[in-house]
Protein backbone atom coordinates (compact mmCIF):
# COMPACT_ATOMS: atom_id res chain seq x y z
CA UNK A 1 -133.39 -23.74 -112.15
CA UNK A 2 -131.28 -22.11 -115.16
CA UNK A 3 -134.50 -20.23 -116.37
CA UNK A 4 -134.20 -16.64 -114.86
CA UNK A 5 -137.27 -15.21 -113.57
CA UNK A 6 -138.54 -11.57 -113.23
CA UNK A 7 -138.28 -9.77 -109.97
CA UNK A 8 -141.97 -10.03 -109.64
CA UNK A 9 -142.27 -13.63 -110.31
CA UNK A 10 -139.32 -14.23 -107.85
CA UNK A 11 -141.02 -12.22 -105.15
CA UNK A 12 -144.07 -14.46 -105.82
CA UNK A 13 -142.71 -17.29 -104.37
CA UNK A 14 -142.73 -15.58 -100.70
CA UNK A 15 -146.48 -15.37 -100.85
CA UNK A 16 -146.82 -19.18 -99.43
CA UNK A 17 -148.28 -19.38 -95.96
CA UNK A 18 -146.22 -22.20 -94.98
CA UNK A 19 -143.33 -19.89 -94.97
CA UNK A 20 -144.24 -18.21 -91.53
CA UNK A 21 -144.58 -21.41 -89.55
CA UNK A 22 -140.82 -22.24 -91.17
CA UNK A 23 -139.62 -19.26 -89.75
CA UNK A 24 -141.06 -19.78 -86.37
CA UNK A 25 -139.54 -23.52 -86.32
CA UNK A 26 -136.29 -21.78 -87.46
CA UNK A 27 -136.06 -19.74 -84.46
CA UNK A 28 -136.73 -23.07 -82.28
CA UNK A 29 -133.94 -24.86 -84.39
CA UNK A 30 -131.43 -22.07 -83.47
CA UNK A 31 -132.00 -21.64 -80.14
CA UNK A 32 -130.42 -24.51 -78.57
CA UNK A 33 -127.17 -23.81 -80.23
CA UNK A 34 -127.45 -20.62 -77.88
CA UNK A 35 -127.27 -22.68 -74.57
CA UNK A 36 -124.78 -25.04 -75.76
CA UNK A 37 -122.82 -22.84 -77.94
CA UNK A 38 -122.19 -19.10 -77.48
CA UNK A 39 -124.08 -18.64 -73.87
CA UNK A 40 -122.05 -21.73 -72.47
CA UNK A 41 -118.76 -20.67 -74.17
CA UNK A 42 -119.11 -17.20 -72.49
CA UNK A 43 -120.12 -18.97 -69.14
CA UNK A 44 -117.09 -21.20 -69.33
CA UNK A 45 -114.69 -18.34 -70.47
CA UNK A 46 -116.16 -16.19 -67.42
CA UNK A 47 -115.46 -19.29 -65.17
CA UNK A 48 -111.89 -19.16 -66.20
CA UNK A 49 -111.35 -22.55 -68.47
CA UNK A 50 -108.89 -22.49 -71.06
CA UNK A 51 -109.48 -22.12 -74.94
CA UNK A 52 -108.55 -25.88 -75.53
CA UNK A 53 -111.24 -26.94 -72.83
CA UNK A 54 -113.84 -24.57 -74.13
CA UNK A 55 -113.10 -25.90 -77.64
CA UNK A 56 -113.35 -29.56 -76.58
CA UNK A 57 -116.68 -28.85 -74.58
CA UNK A 58 -117.97 -28.11 -78.11
CA UNK A 59 -117.84 -31.99 -78.94
CA UNK A 60 -121.30 -31.98 -77.43
CA UNK A 61 -122.64 -30.89 -80.93
CA UNK A 62 -121.44 -34.20 -82.05
CA UNK A 63 -125.05 -35.03 -81.89
CA UNK A 64 -126.03 -32.79 -84.68
CA UNK A 65 -123.36 -34.73 -86.99
CA UNK A 66 -124.63 -38.16 -86.42
CA UNK A 67 -128.44 -37.53 -86.05
CA UNK A 68 -128.88 -39.56 -89.35
CA UNK A 69 -128.30 -42.68 -87.24
CA UNK A 70 -131.81 -42.17 -85.71
CA UNK A 71 -133.43 -39.67 -88.37
CA UNK A 72 -135.01 -42.97 -89.89
CA UNK A 73 -137.01 -43.37 -86.63
CA UNK A 74 -138.28 -39.78 -86.78
CA UNK A 75 -139.49 -40.86 -90.41
CA UNK A 76 -141.30 -44.15 -89.13
CA UNK A 77 -141.82 -44.41 -85.31
CA UNK A 78 -145.11 -42.92 -83.82
CA UNK A 79 -144.74 -41.37 -80.33
CA UNK A 80 -147.66 -43.04 -78.40
CA UNK A 81 -151.03 -40.89 -77.75
CA UNK A 82 -148.95 -37.40 -79.11
CA UNK A 83 -148.53 -38.49 -82.79
CA UNK A 84 -152.27 -39.59 -83.27
CA UNK A 85 -153.29 -36.24 -81.81
CA UNK A 86 -150.94 -33.79 -83.79
CA UNK A 87 -149.15 -35.75 -86.47
CA UNK A 88 -145.57 -37.16 -87.07
CA UNK A 89 -143.48 -34.19 -87.60
CA UNK A 90 -145.02 -32.02 -84.80
CA UNK A 91 -145.10 -34.90 -82.36
CA UNK A 92 -141.37 -35.28 -82.48
CA UNK A 93 -140.77 -31.68 -82.82
CA UNK A 94 -142.89 -31.06 -79.39
CA UNK A 95 -141.27 -34.16 -77.73
CA UNK A 96 -137.81 -32.99 -78.54
CA UNK A 97 -138.43 -29.43 -77.11
CA UNK A 98 -140.03 -30.71 -73.94
CA UNK A 99 -136.74 -32.39 -73.23
CA UNK A 100 -134.61 -29.40 -73.99
CA UNK A 101 -136.59 -27.36 -71.72
CA UNK A 102 -136.10 -30.07 -68.86
CA UNK A 103 -132.21 -30.15 -69.47
CA UNK A 104 -131.98 -26.24 -69.61
CA UNK A 105 -133.92 -26.01 -66.07
CA UNK A 106 -131.31 -28.56 -64.77
CA UNK A 107 -128.37 -26.39 -66.14
CA UNK A 108 -129.74 -23.66 -64.16
CA UNK A 109 -129.06 -25.21 -60.86
CA UNK A 110 -125.34 -25.96 -61.62
CA UNK A 111 -122.25 -24.58 -60.62
CA UNK A 112 -119.54 -24.69 -63.60
CA UNK A 113 -116.66 -24.90 -60.98
CA UNK A 114 -117.89 -27.90 -59.13
CA UNK A 115 -120.25 -29.72 -61.58
CA UNK A 116 -118.60 -29.46 -64.93
CA UNK A 117 -119.31 -33.10 -65.82
CA UNK A 118 -123.19 -32.54 -65.32
CA UNK A 119 -122.83 -29.37 -67.46
CA UNK A 120 -121.56 -31.64 -70.16
CA UNK A 121 -124.19 -34.15 -69.50
CA UNK A 122 -127.17 -31.92 -69.81
CA UNK A 123 -125.61 -30.16 -72.62
CA UNK A 124 -125.33 -33.37 -74.29
CA UNK A 125 -128.93 -34.08 -73.83
CA UNK A 126 -129.89 -30.76 -75.22
CA UNK A 127 -127.88 -31.19 -78.38
CA UNK A 128 -129.36 -34.89 -78.82
CA UNK A 129 -132.60 -33.16 -78.55
CA UNK A 130 -131.90 -30.35 -80.52
CA UNK A 131 -130.35 -32.42 -83.38
CA UNK A 132 -133.92 -34.45 -83.10
CA UNK A 133 -135.86 -31.52 -83.37
CA UNK A 134 -133.99 -30.25 -86.45
CA UNK A 135 -134.65 -33.81 -88.12
CA UNK A 136 -138.28 -33.20 -87.39
CA UNK A 137 -138.11 -29.33 -88.60
CA UNK A 138 -136.32 -30.14 -91.70
CA UNK A 139 -138.66 -32.60 -92.73
CA UNK A 140 -141.64 -30.54 -91.94
CA UNK A 141 -140.24 -27.85 -94.43
CA UNK A 142 -139.58 -30.18 -97.06
CA UNK A 143 -142.95 -31.94 -96.73
CA UNK A 144 -144.91 -28.50 -96.82
CA UNK A 145 -143.14 -27.46 -99.89
CA UNK A 146 -142.52 -30.80 -101.48
CA UNK A 147 -145.07 -30.82 -104.22
CA UNK A 148 -143.84 -27.34 -105.45
CA UNK A 149 -140.93 -26.48 -107.92
CA UNK A 150 -137.47 -26.10 -106.32
CA UNK A 151 -137.73 -22.17 -106.18
CA UNK A 152 -140.06 -22.85 -103.21
CA UNK A 153 -137.13 -24.65 -101.40
CA UNK A 154 -135.06 -21.69 -101.94
CA UNK A 155 -137.66 -19.33 -100.39
CA UNK A 156 -138.42 -21.75 -97.57
CA UNK A 157 -134.56 -22.00 -97.08
CA UNK A 158 -134.37 -18.36 -96.89
CA UNK A 159 -137.16 -18.29 -93.78
CA UNK A 160 -135.57 -21.16 -92.43
CA UNK A 161 -132.01 -19.66 -92.35
CA UNK A 162 -133.66 -16.09 -91.12
CA UNK A 163 -135.46 -17.99 -88.45
CA UNK A 164 -132.72 -19.91 -87.29
CA UNK A 165 -130.33 -16.70 -86.67
CA UNK A 166 -133.18 -15.24 -85.01
CA UNK A 167 -132.85 -17.83 -82.64
CA UNK A 168 -129.41 -17.92 -82.38
CA UNK A 169 -128.25 -14.32 -82.77
CA UNK A 170 -131.22 -12.29 -82.00
CA UNK A 171 -132.54 -14.29 -78.86
CA UNK A 172 -129.02 -15.46 -78.58
CA UNK A 173 -127.97 -11.58 -77.69
CA UNK A 174 -130.49 -11.80 -74.38
CA UNK A 175 -128.16 -13.85 -72.02
CA UNK A 176 -125.07 -11.63 -72.81
CA UNK A 177 -127.07 -8.46 -72.16
CA UNK A 178 -128.47 -9.90 -68.62
CA UNK A 179 -125.12 -11.35 -67.48
CA UNK A 180 -123.59 -8.05 -67.89
CA UNK A 181 -126.43 -6.37 -65.33
CA UNK A 182 -125.61 -6.22 -61.75
CA UNK A 183 -126.87 -9.37 -59.56
CA UNK A 184 -127.19 -11.43 -62.70
CA UNK A 185 -125.58 -14.74 -62.90
CA UNK A 186 -125.02 -17.32 -65.62
CA UNK A 187 -127.27 -19.89 -63.65
CA UNK A 188 -130.28 -17.18 -63.62
CA UNK A 189 -129.75 -16.36 -67.43
CA UNK A 190 -130.45 -20.11 -68.09
CA UNK A 191 -133.85 -19.78 -66.41
CA UNK A 192 -134.63 -17.15 -68.67
CA UNK A 193 -133.68 -19.26 -71.61
CA UNK A 194 -135.92 -22.06 -70.32
CA UNK A 195 -138.78 -19.74 -70.37
CA UNK A 196 -138.07 -18.59 -73.99
CA UNK A 197 -138.11 -22.24 -74.95
CA UNK A 198 -141.64 -22.58 -73.64
CA UNK A 199 -142.75 -19.90 -75.80
CA UNK A 200 -141.31 -21.41 -78.89
CA UNK A 201 -143.06 -24.79 -78.11
CA UNK A 202 -146.42 -22.96 -79.00
CA UNK A 203 -145.42 -23.19 -82.79
CA UNK A 204 -145.73 -26.96 -82.80
CA UNK A 205 -149.24 -26.90 -81.04
CA UNK A 206 -151.06 -24.47 -83.61
CA UNK A 207 -149.51 -25.20 -86.93
CA UNK A 208 -151.13 -27.77 -89.45
CA UNK A 209 -149.20 -31.11 -90.14
CA UNK A 210 -148.36 -31.36 -93.60
CA UNK A 211 -150.18 -33.57 -96.07
CA UNK A 212 -147.98 -36.30 -97.40
CA UNK A 213 -148.26 -39.67 -98.81
CA UNK A 214 -145.02 -41.11 -97.08
CA UNK A 215 -146.55 -43.94 -95.28
CA UNK A 216 -148.19 -45.31 -98.32
CA UNK A 217 -144.76 -45.30 -100.19
CA UNK A 218 -142.88 -46.83 -97.20
CA UNK A 219 -145.50 -49.44 -97.21
CA UNK A 220 -144.98 -50.28 -100.77
CA UNK A 221 -141.24 -50.24 -100.28
CA UNK A 222 -141.49 -52.35 -97.26
CA UNK A 223 -143.36 -55.08 -99.06
CA UNK A 224 -140.86 -55.43 -101.87
CA UNK A 225 -138.29 -56.15 -99.16
CA UNK A 226 -140.55 -58.69 -97.64
CA UNK A 227 -141.12 -60.33 -101.07
CA UNK A 228 -137.41 -60.40 -101.78
CA UNK A 229 -136.29 -61.78 -98.66
CA UNK A 230 -135.13 -65.67 -98.39
CA UNK A 231 -137.58 -68.17 -96.88
CA UNK A 232 -135.33 -69.24 -94.03
CA UNK A 233 -133.07 -67.61 -91.60
CA UNK A 234 -133.02 -64.81 -89.17
CA UNK A 235 -129.66 -63.55 -89.73
CA UNK A 236 -130.33 -60.13 -91.64
CA UNK A 237 -132.64 -59.15 -88.43
CA UNK A 238 -129.73 -60.08 -85.93
CA UNK A 239 -126.96 -58.01 -88.25
CA UNK A 240 -129.18 -55.11 -88.65
CA UNK A 241 -130.17 -55.10 -84.88
CA UNK A 242 -126.78 -55.49 -83.29
CA UNK A 243 -124.42 -53.57 -85.67
CA UNK A 244 -125.72 -50.13 -84.92
CA UNK A 245 -125.51 -51.03 -81.18
CA UNK A 246 -121.93 -52.00 -81.35
CA UNK A 247 -121.01 -49.13 -83.56
CA UNK A 248 -122.89 -46.58 -81.29
CA UNK A 249 -120.98 -47.93 -77.99
CA UNK A 250 -117.53 -47.48 -79.93
CA UNK A 251 -118.61 -44.16 -81.09
CA UNK A 252 -119.87 -43.05 -77.63
CA UNK A 253 -116.65 -44.18 -75.80
CA UNK A 254 -114.11 -43.04 -78.18
CA UNK A 255 -115.49 -40.21 -80.01
CA UNK A 256 -118.39 -38.92 -77.94
CA UNK A 257 -116.80 -39.07 -74.70
CA UNK A 258 -113.99 -36.01 -75.20
CA UNK A 259 -116.77 -33.68 -74.89
CA UNK A 260 -116.10 -33.99 -71.09
CA UNK A 261 -113.35 -31.54 -70.99
CA UNK A 262 -111.41 -32.89 -67.73
CA UNK A 263 -109.41 -36.11 -67.50
CA UNK A 264 -109.45 -36.75 -71.05
CA UNK A 265 -106.94 -39.27 -71.47
CA UNK A 266 -107.75 -41.56 -68.61
CA UNK A 267 -111.62 -41.32 -69.64
CA UNK A 268 -111.01 -42.24 -73.18
CA UNK A 269 -109.09 -45.33 -72.31
CA UNK A 270 -111.57 -46.38 -69.64
CA UNK A 271 -114.28 -45.88 -71.95
CA UNK A 272 -112.53 -47.70 -74.91
CA UNK A 273 -112.44 -50.77 -72.57
CA UNK A 274 -116.01 -50.80 -71.73
CA UNK A 275 -116.96 -50.49 -75.42
CA UNK A 276 -114.90 -53.44 -76.18
CA UNK A 277 -116.46 -55.34 -73.13
CA UNK A 278 -119.85 -54.12 -74.54
CA UNK A 279 -119.23 -55.25 -78.00
CA UNK A 280 -118.09 -58.75 -76.96
CA UNK A 281 -121.18 -59.14 -74.84
CA UNK A 282 -123.33 -58.59 -77.52
CA UNK A 283 -121.57 -60.84 -79.84
CA UNK A 284 -121.90 -63.36 -77.20
CA UNK A 285 -125.30 -62.66 -76.93
CA UNK A 286 -126.07 -63.16 -80.86
CA UNK A 287 -124.25 -66.37 -80.91
CA UNK A 288 -126.63 -67.62 -77.86
CA UNK A 289 -129.54 -66.21 -79.40
CA UNK A 290 -128.97 -67.78 -82.65
CA UNK A 291 -128.04 -70.99 -81.05
CA UNK A 292 -131.36 -71.00 -79.18
CA UNK A 293 -133.31 -70.06 -82.23
CA UNK A 294 -131.80 -73.14 -83.96
CA UNK A 295 -132.72 -75.58 -80.92
CA UNK A 296 -136.27 -74.13 -81.06
CA UNK A 297 -136.36 -74.89 -84.86
CA UNK A 298 -135.45 -78.50 -84.30
CA UNK A 299 -137.66 -78.96 -81.24
CA UNK A 300 -141.00 -77.31 -82.93
CA UNK A 301 -143.39 -78.06 -85.70
CA UNK A 302 -142.96 -76.70 -89.10
CA UNK A 303 -145.99 -74.43 -88.65
CA UNK A 304 -144.31 -72.99 -85.65
CA UNK A 305 -141.16 -72.54 -87.38
CA UNK A 306 -143.00 -71.05 -90.46
CA UNK A 307 -144.53 -68.70 -88.07
CA UNK A 308 -141.17 -67.52 -86.42
CA UNK A 309 -139.81 -67.00 -89.71
CA UNK A 310 -142.64 -64.86 -90.98
CA UNK A 311 -142.33 -62.65 -88.09
CA UNK A 312 -138.43 -62.40 -88.53
CA UNK A 313 -139.14 -61.24 -92.14
CA UNK A 314 -141.72 -58.80 -91.25
CA UNK A 315 -139.62 -57.03 -88.74
CA UNK A 316 -136.28 -57.26 -90.91
CA UNK A 317 -138.46 -55.64 -94.02
CA UNK A 318 -139.50 -52.97 -91.65
CA UNK A 319 -135.78 -52.40 -90.67
CA UNK A 320 -134.59 -52.42 -94.05
CA UNK A 321 -137.32 -49.73 -95.00
CA UNK A 322 -136.21 -47.71 -92.16
CA UNK A 323 -132.69 -48.07 -92.12
CA UNK A 324 -131.42 -48.92 -95.42
CA UNK A 325 -133.86 -47.81 -98.08
CA UNK A 326 -133.24 -44.09 -97.83
CA UNK A 327 -129.62 -44.49 -98.17
CA UNK A 328 -130.14 -47.01 -101.12
CA UNK A 329 -132.72 -44.67 -102.73
CA UNK A 330 -130.09 -41.66 -102.69
CA UNK A 331 -127.23 -43.74 -104.29
CA UNK A 332 -129.54 -45.30 -106.80
CA UNK A 333 -131.00 -42.21 -107.99
CA UNK A 334 -127.82 -40.20 -108.28
CA UNK A 335 -125.38 -42.68 -109.09
CA UNK A 336 -122.58 -43.96 -106.85
CA UNK A 337 -119.92 -41.54 -108.05
CA UNK A 338 -122.28 -38.39 -108.14
CA UNK A 339 -123.56 -39.34 -104.75
CA UNK A 340 -120.35 -39.55 -102.76
CA UNK A 341 -118.94 -36.26 -104.69
CA UNK A 342 -122.26 -34.58 -103.22
CA UNK A 343 -121.40 -35.75 -99.97
CA UNK A 344 -117.88 -34.76 -99.80
CA UNK A 345 -118.58 -31.23 -101.08
CA UNK A 346 -121.31 -30.95 -98.12
CA UNK A 347 -118.60 -32.23 -95.80
CA UNK A 348 -116.17 -29.56 -96.78
CA UNK A 349 -118.41 -26.51 -97.47
CA UNK A 350 -118.53 -24.94 -94.33
CA UNK A 351 -115.20 -26.17 -92.35
CA UNK A 352 -113.74 -23.05 -92.30
CA UNK A 353 -116.69 -21.10 -90.73
CA UNK A 354 -117.04 -23.87 -88.13
CA UNK A 355 -113.37 -23.00 -86.72
CA UNK A 356 -114.34 -19.59 -86.81
CA UNK A 357 -117.40 -19.84 -85.17
CA UNK A 358 -116.17 -22.03 -82.33
CA UNK A 359 -113.89 -19.45 -81.21
CA UNK A 360 -115.48 -16.29 -82.03
CA UNK A 361 -116.74 -15.51 -78.64
CA UNK A 362 -113.26 -16.53 -77.25
CA UNK A 363 -111.52 -14.21 -79.65
CA UNK A 364 -113.92 -11.13 -78.78
CA UNK A 365 -113.22 -11.51 -75.07
CA UNK A 366 -109.47 -11.68 -75.52
CA UNK A 367 -109.26 -9.02 -77.86
CA UNK A 368 -111.03 -6.78 -75.12
CA UNK A 369 -114.76 -6.68 -76.06
CA UNK A 370 -117.30 -6.92 -73.18
CA UNK A 371 -120.43 -9.34 -73.01
CA UNK A 372 -122.48 -6.14 -73.85
CA UNK A 373 -120.41 -5.33 -76.99
CA UNK A 374 -120.39 -9.09 -78.09
CA UNK A 375 -124.54 -8.84 -77.47
CA UNK A 376 -124.96 -5.76 -79.77
CA UNK A 377 -122.21 -6.36 -82.31
CA UNK A 378 -121.59 -10.05 -82.91
CA UNK A 379 -125.31 -10.89 -82.09
CA UNK A 380 -127.91 -7.95 -82.86
CA UNK A 381 -126.02 -6.96 -86.13
CA UNK A 382 -125.54 -10.50 -87.26
CA UNK A 383 -129.20 -11.22 -86.76
CA UNK A 384 -130.21 -8.20 -88.63
CA UNK A 385 -127.62 -8.58 -91.63
CA UNK A 386 -128.51 -12.13 -91.85
CA UNK A 387 -132.11 -11.99 -92.13
CA UNK A 388 -132.02 -9.20 -94.94
CA UNK A 389 -129.31 -11.22 -96.92
CA UNK A 390 -131.29 -14.16 -96.50
CA UNK A 391 -134.19 -12.83 -98.27
CA UNK A 392 -131.87 -11.30 -100.91
CA UNK A 393 -129.90 -14.38 -101.19
CA UNK A 394 -132.87 -16.55 -101.92
CA UNK A 395 -133.98 -14.03 -104.64
CA UNK A 396 -130.68 -14.40 -106.25
CA UNK A 397 -130.92 -18.21 -105.90
CA UNK A 398 -134.27 -18.19 -107.31
CA UNK A 399 -133.24 -16.10 -110.23
CA UNK A 400 -129.74 -17.28 -111.32
CA UNK A 401 -129.56 -20.88 -109.67
CA UNK A 402 -128.39 -22.86 -106.64
CA UNK A 403 -124.74 -23.19 -107.52
CA UNK A 404 -124.02 -19.66 -108.28
CA UNK A 405 -125.35 -18.90 -105.11
CA UNK A 406 -122.90 -21.63 -103.34
CA UNK A 407 -120.02 -20.11 -105.31
CA UNK A 408 -120.61 -16.79 -104.23
CA UNK A 409 -121.36 -17.71 -100.86
CA UNK A 410 -118.23 -19.61 -100.43
CA UNK A 411 -115.89 -16.74 -101.87
CA UNK A 412 -117.43 -14.34 -99.58
CA UNK A 413 -116.94 -16.57 -96.65
CA UNK A 414 -113.20 -16.93 -97.37
CA UNK A 415 -113.12 -13.28 -97.67
CA UNK A 416 -115.00 -12.33 -94.39
CA UNK A 417 -112.79 -14.49 -92.32
CA UNK A 418 -109.54 -12.47 -93.36
CA UNK A 419 -111.34 -9.48 -91.82
CA UNK A 420 -111.26 -11.21 -88.55
CA UNK A 421 -107.66 -11.57 -89.05
CA UNK A 422 -107.82 -7.76 -89.48
CA UNK A 423 -109.27 -7.20 -86.35
CA UNK A 424 -106.87 -9.40 -84.41
CA UNK A 425 -104.03 -7.16 -85.79
CA UNK A 426 -106.03 -3.74 -84.95
CA UNK A 427 -107.43 -4.55 -81.64
CA UNK A 428 -111.10 -3.60 -80.06
CA UNK A 429 -112.00 -1.34 -82.73
CA UNK A 430 -115.69 -1.07 -82.54
CA UNK A 431 -116.35 0.34 -85.96
CA UNK A 432 -114.14 -2.60 -87.54
CA UNK A 433 -116.05 -5.13 -85.14
CA UNK A 434 -119.33 -3.73 -86.40
CA UNK A 435 -118.52 -3.94 -90.05
CA UNK A 436 -116.73 -7.49 -89.89
CA UNK A 437 -119.93 -8.82 -88.23
CA UNK A 438 -122.19 -7.19 -91.09
CA UNK A 439 -119.92 -8.91 -93.72
CA UNK A 440 -119.72 -12.28 -91.92
CA UNK A 441 -123.43 -12.21 -91.34
CA UNK A 442 -124.06 -11.36 -95.22
CA UNK A 443 -121.57 -14.33 -96.10
CA UNK A 444 -123.21 -16.73 -93.74
CA UNK A 445 -126.79 -15.92 -95.10
CA UNK A 446 -126.14 -16.18 -98.39
CA UNK A 447 -124.21 -19.44 -98.12
CA UNK A 448 -126.62 -20.86 -96.01
CA UNK A 449 -129.58 -20.18 -98.04
CA UNK A 450 -128.11 -21.87 -101.19
CA UNK A 451 -126.70 -24.56 -99.10
CA UNK A 452 -130.23 -25.83 -97.50
CA UNK A 453 -131.76 -25.18 -100.95
CA UNK A 454 -129.35 -27.62 -102.20
CA UNK A 455 -130.01 -30.29 -99.74
CA UNK A 456 -133.69 -29.90 -99.81
CA UNK A 457 -133.91 -30.50 -103.47
CA UNK A 458 -131.94 -33.35 -103.35
CA UNK A 459 -134.12 -35.28 -100.84
CA UNK A 460 -136.80 -37.85 -101.86
CA UNK A 461 -140.27 -37.07 -100.31
CA UNK A 462 -140.58 -40.65 -99.10
CA UNK A 463 -137.33 -40.35 -97.00
CA UNK A 464 -137.56 -36.69 -96.28
CA UNK A 465 -136.21 -36.99 -92.58
CA UNK A 466 -133.63 -39.51 -93.28
CA UNK A 467 -131.97 -38.19 -96.33
CA UNK A 468 -131.79 -34.59 -95.33
CA UNK A 469 -130.28 -35.46 -91.97
CA UNK A 470 -127.78 -37.69 -93.43
CA UNK A 471 -126.58 -34.90 -95.84
CA UNK A 472 -126.88 -32.20 -93.07
CA UNK A 473 -125.11 -34.17 -90.51
CA UNK A 474 -122.22 -34.74 -92.83
CA UNK A 475 -121.85 -30.97 -92.96
CA UNK A 476 -121.87 -30.66 -89.28
CA UNK A 477 -119.42 -33.25 -88.59
CA UNK A 478 -116.84 -31.42 -90.08
CA UNK A 479 -118.09 -28.49 -88.35
CA UNK A 480 -118.24 -30.39 -85.00
CA UNK A 481 -115.68 -32.83 -84.82
CA UNK A 482 -112.71 -30.89 -86.67
CA UNK A 483 -113.97 -27.28 -85.47
CA UNK A 484 -113.98 -28.51 -81.92
CA UNK A 485 -110.33 -28.62 -81.90
CA UNK A 486 -110.00 -25.07 -83.13
CA UNK A 487 -108.90 -24.09 -79.42
CA UNK A 488 -105.98 -26.47 -79.89
CA UNK A 489 -105.15 -24.88 -83.24
CA UNK A 490 -105.07 -21.44 -81.80
CA UNK A 491 -102.90 -22.70 -78.77
CA UNK A 492 -100.55 -24.50 -81.39
CA UNK A 493 -100.19 -21.05 -83.10
CA UNK A 494 -99.31 -19.44 -79.59
CA UNK A 495 -102.34 -17.39 -79.82
CA UNK A 496 -101.81 -15.86 -83.11
CA UNK A 497 -105.31 -15.11 -84.02
CA UNK A 498 -104.65 -13.38 -87.09
CA UNK A 499 -102.83 -16.34 -88.76
CA UNK A 500 -105.71 -18.78 -87.38
CA UNK A 501 -108.25 -16.70 -89.31
CA UNK A 502 -106.22 -16.55 -92.27
CA UNK A 503 -106.12 -20.38 -91.96
CA UNK A 504 -109.91 -20.71 -91.80
CA UNK A 505 -110.29 -18.60 -94.90
CA UNK A 506 -108.09 -21.06 -96.89
CA UNK A 507 -110.25 -23.94 -95.67
CA UNK A 508 -113.06 -22.77 -97.81
CA UNK A 509 -111.02 -23.06 -101.24
CA UNK A 510 -111.18 -27.18 -101.57
CA UNK A 511 -114.78 -27.16 -101.20
CA UNK A 512 -115.22 -24.68 -104.04
CA UNK A 513 -112.79 -26.51 -106.40
CA UNK A 514 -114.79 -29.67 -105.73
CA UNK A 515 -117.98 -27.75 -106.40
CA UNK A 516 -116.56 -26.59 -109.68
CA UNK A 517 -115.68 -30.22 -110.74
CA UNK A 518 -119.05 -31.61 -110.23
CA UNK A 519 -121.25 -28.48 -111.55
CA UNK A 520 -122.45 -30.08 -114.79
CA UNK A 521 -124.14 -33.29 -113.40
CA UNK A 522 -125.15 -31.50 -110.09
CA UNK A 523 -126.98 -28.63 -112.46
CA UNK A 524 -128.74 -31.45 -114.44
CA UNK A 525 -129.72 -33.15 -111.26
CA UNK A 526 -131.12 -29.96 -109.86
CA UNK A 527 -133.14 -28.97 -112.99
CA UNK A 528 -134.41 -32.42 -112.96
CA UNK A 529 -136.48 -31.70 -109.67
CA UNK A 530 -138.53 -28.83 -111.35
């Protein structure tokens, strides 16, 4: 991508018809963040919850940071009846949207004061479903543009970013406008959000499934694993089956559960004990199963043993292809050192933005802005600015390269966070609010386009869902796991919002230094995709 294109050549990349469907899916991807992000933060703030509790409530977004754990299943598992009718990508998107619709309807029936745990539960369901939907949507975008050069990925990234912000900021303004009207309460608002979801589901029903040779490539890899497996034993299968279960149980107990904002210490201890018991029982089960298999092998004929071993090897090869091959291919193709460097940059890049974003609604309310102010300034202006600068940012990225786009976006993100610090000092000035939101929208759009383009280019088309989810979830992990403690950080700073935003600006610097250190090999890697 080092070659510069003329302005006319750059615009020609936007003629691809797939970009409209990518934009619509982007809307669907961004909208769940409204229900469990800004809208829920506004709801909880109106109900009188503390900053720390609202920040910790955001840990339900952890689903977006661990969706790589089940992303290989989105690549390979077929949903009964639905996949045969509409295809692999669309079937997963539609199923996830059905679950989001169900959980949103349940939220509309809850009272935040007396049913906070149920709110967290259905919020977590929306997060898991939204994260699953994102896996399939990202894979759909890359599959649709995968047979073209990487400049199409930049154009697709712009449309995906514009769509995401349309769902998050454009449609996200609706709940804040409604809740400021007489006789409107947050549960009623969530009924409207459910209606919007049902409309967004239309896209998955009418677009075409992208053509891909993914299944043939996966079958070839699976066969190579099958041939490489030893001729006896079923330990590889047992290890592959049991380790994810143990890790997930411990993860849920020790990390996932703090999403519940009440009785955190007692709940963490109780679930830590439960996770230990579950892991112990699973280990005992493995040993018993292994002993049973050994006894069966001693008692039965060699033919039966061979049949059993063949079954074990087939399932093991399938699991290796599904769970191991995507990561193995990524590290083999890029080399271990560069692969780890890329993943570290991804983790660091949007950390400061995450701290800012999680507390922005709370900050606006404490400074003195109303829900309507938030709707019109934070949401509507941000939406319009993001769409415009997503397109401008993609044009720049196509002409001058992904890395330059990342550098400019990162520097601009740090600078825009300082404007929030100025807002904290000045107070509820609407002109400054509008200007800050304008700059923040520009920086988010510019950085996101280059960031998404980078991740898309780095994916192998055989493992689109798995590899993109792995990289994207690392970025989300930093934003969710660390960003969720933003409220605690504000409290630790005694409510000094100006100092808080200065700290978020400084968080951007390490990622830019890291990007500079790997710029040469990363440029070669990006250019090799053209």
